[in-house]
Structure formats: C-alpha cells, structure tokens
Amino acid sequence: MPEDKKGKEEKLWTFLKIVSPGTTLGQGLKIILQAKTGGLIVIGDTEKVLSVVEGGFKVDCYLTPAALAELAKMDGAIILSRDAKIILYANTQLVPDYLISTSERGTRHRAAERMAKQIDCPVIAVSQSRHVITLYQGETKYVLGSVPELINRANQALQTLERYRAAFNEVLTELDLLEFQDEMRLIDAIRAIQRGEMIRRIKEEIERYIIELGGEGRLTEMQLKEIVGNTLSETRQILQDYVKEDYEKVCLELEVISTEKLLEAEGIMRILGYGTKPENLDLSVLPKGYRILSKVPHLPVSVVENVVAALGDLPNIMNSTVLELTEINEVGERRAGSVKRELERLKNRALLGKRY
C-alpha cells in the first residue's frame, strides 16, 4: 500500500478508536444523538486549529459524556485537546477558508469538511436532522453506522469470509498435490493468490467494523481470528514461491489494485512477472519451496530461506540428500534428517488425499 494511502488508513483507524462505543467521546456522541441537538467537535489544540477559531468561551475541563452533550446544545463548535481528554473551548465559530471546495450542504457539515481539509485535524459533525455522525480528516469523510447496523454488516462479512476460507482450503489441498507431483501451472498459483488476497481485504473490512463497535465488537473479533487463522502467512508464502522478481513490490501492487482487477488472472500474471500473454497462464511453474518448508515443525524462517537459496526449488529440495542439506548454513545433521522425514510425510499425505 502506498505510504499516503497507508497513512490515511491509519489516521482513520485511530479516529474510529477515539469515537467508538465505550469511549468517553463515543458515549458523549451517543447522548447528543439521542437528544437530537446536533454538534460540531474539533479534536486538536494546535496553533493552526486555534487560528481559524473565533469567539466562544474557555472551558478547560476534563471531557465527560454529560458535559459534551450539554455544551453541544449551543450552536457553536467544541474544541477538544489533541488526545480528546480535555474540553478546551465551547460555542466557538469555525472560520476556515471559504474557497476550499466542499460537497456538503448544511452549514455545520460544510464548516467541518473545510476545517478538516485546511488543518488536517479530526472533526466530528453530528446531524440534528439526519441523526448520523460524520467524521472528517483531511480529504477523508466517514459516516458512522449504528451498533445494530455495524453488527449486521460484520456478520454478513464473516459469512462471506467463511466461504472464501473454505474455497482457499480446497485450493491449498490441490496445491499440495500439484507441487509434489511437479504439475503446477501458473493459473493454479494465481487462483490461490486471488482467494488469499480477497480474504485479506474482507478481514480489513471486518476489522474496521470491530474498531467502530468498540466493546461491542469482542465476539466479532474472536470469530474473525478463528476464521482467518494462518491464511495471510500462507498467501505470502505462495507469492514468495511463484513471484519472478521483487516480492515486496508485488505485495504492494496487489494491495492497491481494485477488486475487479484482482479477479482478472491476466493482471495477477503481469504483477507476478510473467508478462501479459494469455497462453502464459498454462505455463508449467516450479515452487521455490517456501510454503511446503514452512509446514516443517520448528523450522525457523531463516533456515527456510537458506534452504531455498541453496537449492532453488521444491523438486531439488525433495531430491536432496541429508548430506547435501547439512552443507547448508544452520542445517545440522539432525535438522536435515527431520526435514527429509517431514517432507516425505507431507508428500504421502497429499498423495493419499488424491486416492480418496
């Protein structure tokens, strides 16, 4: 993910944590919604923030839900400290540059969006008429959902994630067999990568719901961890096995492409470094061995990398002798014997699965 996009995501996640249910600010926003008074809240006490604030009065007291709700009954904005623990000013007027573009219509929301764009600080607008909370920071706008709505969305996403995880498991079983029989085609690796990347994207969507839910999202978080398991690490290992050139660059490209492009095999083929010719999807490819070696118990990542660097691909690793393995850095005789036994066991299990 490019640095600017990654930075925006991190800022939004931090923002969501501050306003999630169970936090002091989140409780105060809930009361404001229930009272149907609306509100405009700026988080930050920097010179830039204060330079576009006029009027109002100084409060300088600890933030409490009740105090926030009472002060929100006034028309002006509330200014909080940058850690959102102190109410600094209330009933202030925000005067950001009116030339800054805004897509909002209401006065409160227009001021919030312009303020966020000009200062890049977190701003919260609570709509009195629409009964929604909107977050602004920089160019980012995010509308908070209600707890029942978020739980419903999270449950739907979990169901989708379960289906993708089941499909991914089937692909991995097929991959084991094809790799041990030296029958891998590029399209087989791409299918596994596509499913693994989709799981990562759905996981990130659910994590956002969990942050928004705050204390209400504990059960969803437990379900997410159970479903995802080691999927992400397996996907990374598949990428390492089949990428032609820069592994890190490939990971970054995969993170930023659209879901529509992700589902196009030719696009993934190009990212992996195999060109754009459709016939290349049927190319025979050899795994380097990262994924299979990672299944060997108690085998450090550094040893996996040393073995792959020395022998090049899985067929060479499978055909190597114990003596050849012992010549590799960090692989002694005992470890070499363990690796050979475990690889044979994994191969036999894959072949046995084919029979049944």
Foldseek 3Di string as FASTA:
>chain_A
DDPVVVVVVVVVLVVLLCLAPPHQNVLLLVVLLVVLQKAKEFEADDPLQVVQKADFDFDWDFRGSVVSNVLRNADAHWYAHNVRTTTTTGRIHGHADPPDDDPDDDPRVSSQQRSQQVVQTWMWIQHSVVSWIWIGGHNDIDTADDLVVLVVVLVVLLVVLLVLLVVLVVLVLVVLQCQLVLNDFQLSLLVNLLSLLVNVVSLVVSVSSLSNNDVNNPVSVVSSCVSCPCSNVLSLLSLQFQQDDDSVQLVVVSVPDDNVLSPDSQSNCVSSPNDRDPVSRGHRGFTLCRNVLVPQPPDDSVLSVQLSVVQPTDVSLLPDDLVVSCVTPPQHSVNSVSSNVSSVVSNVVSVVVVVD
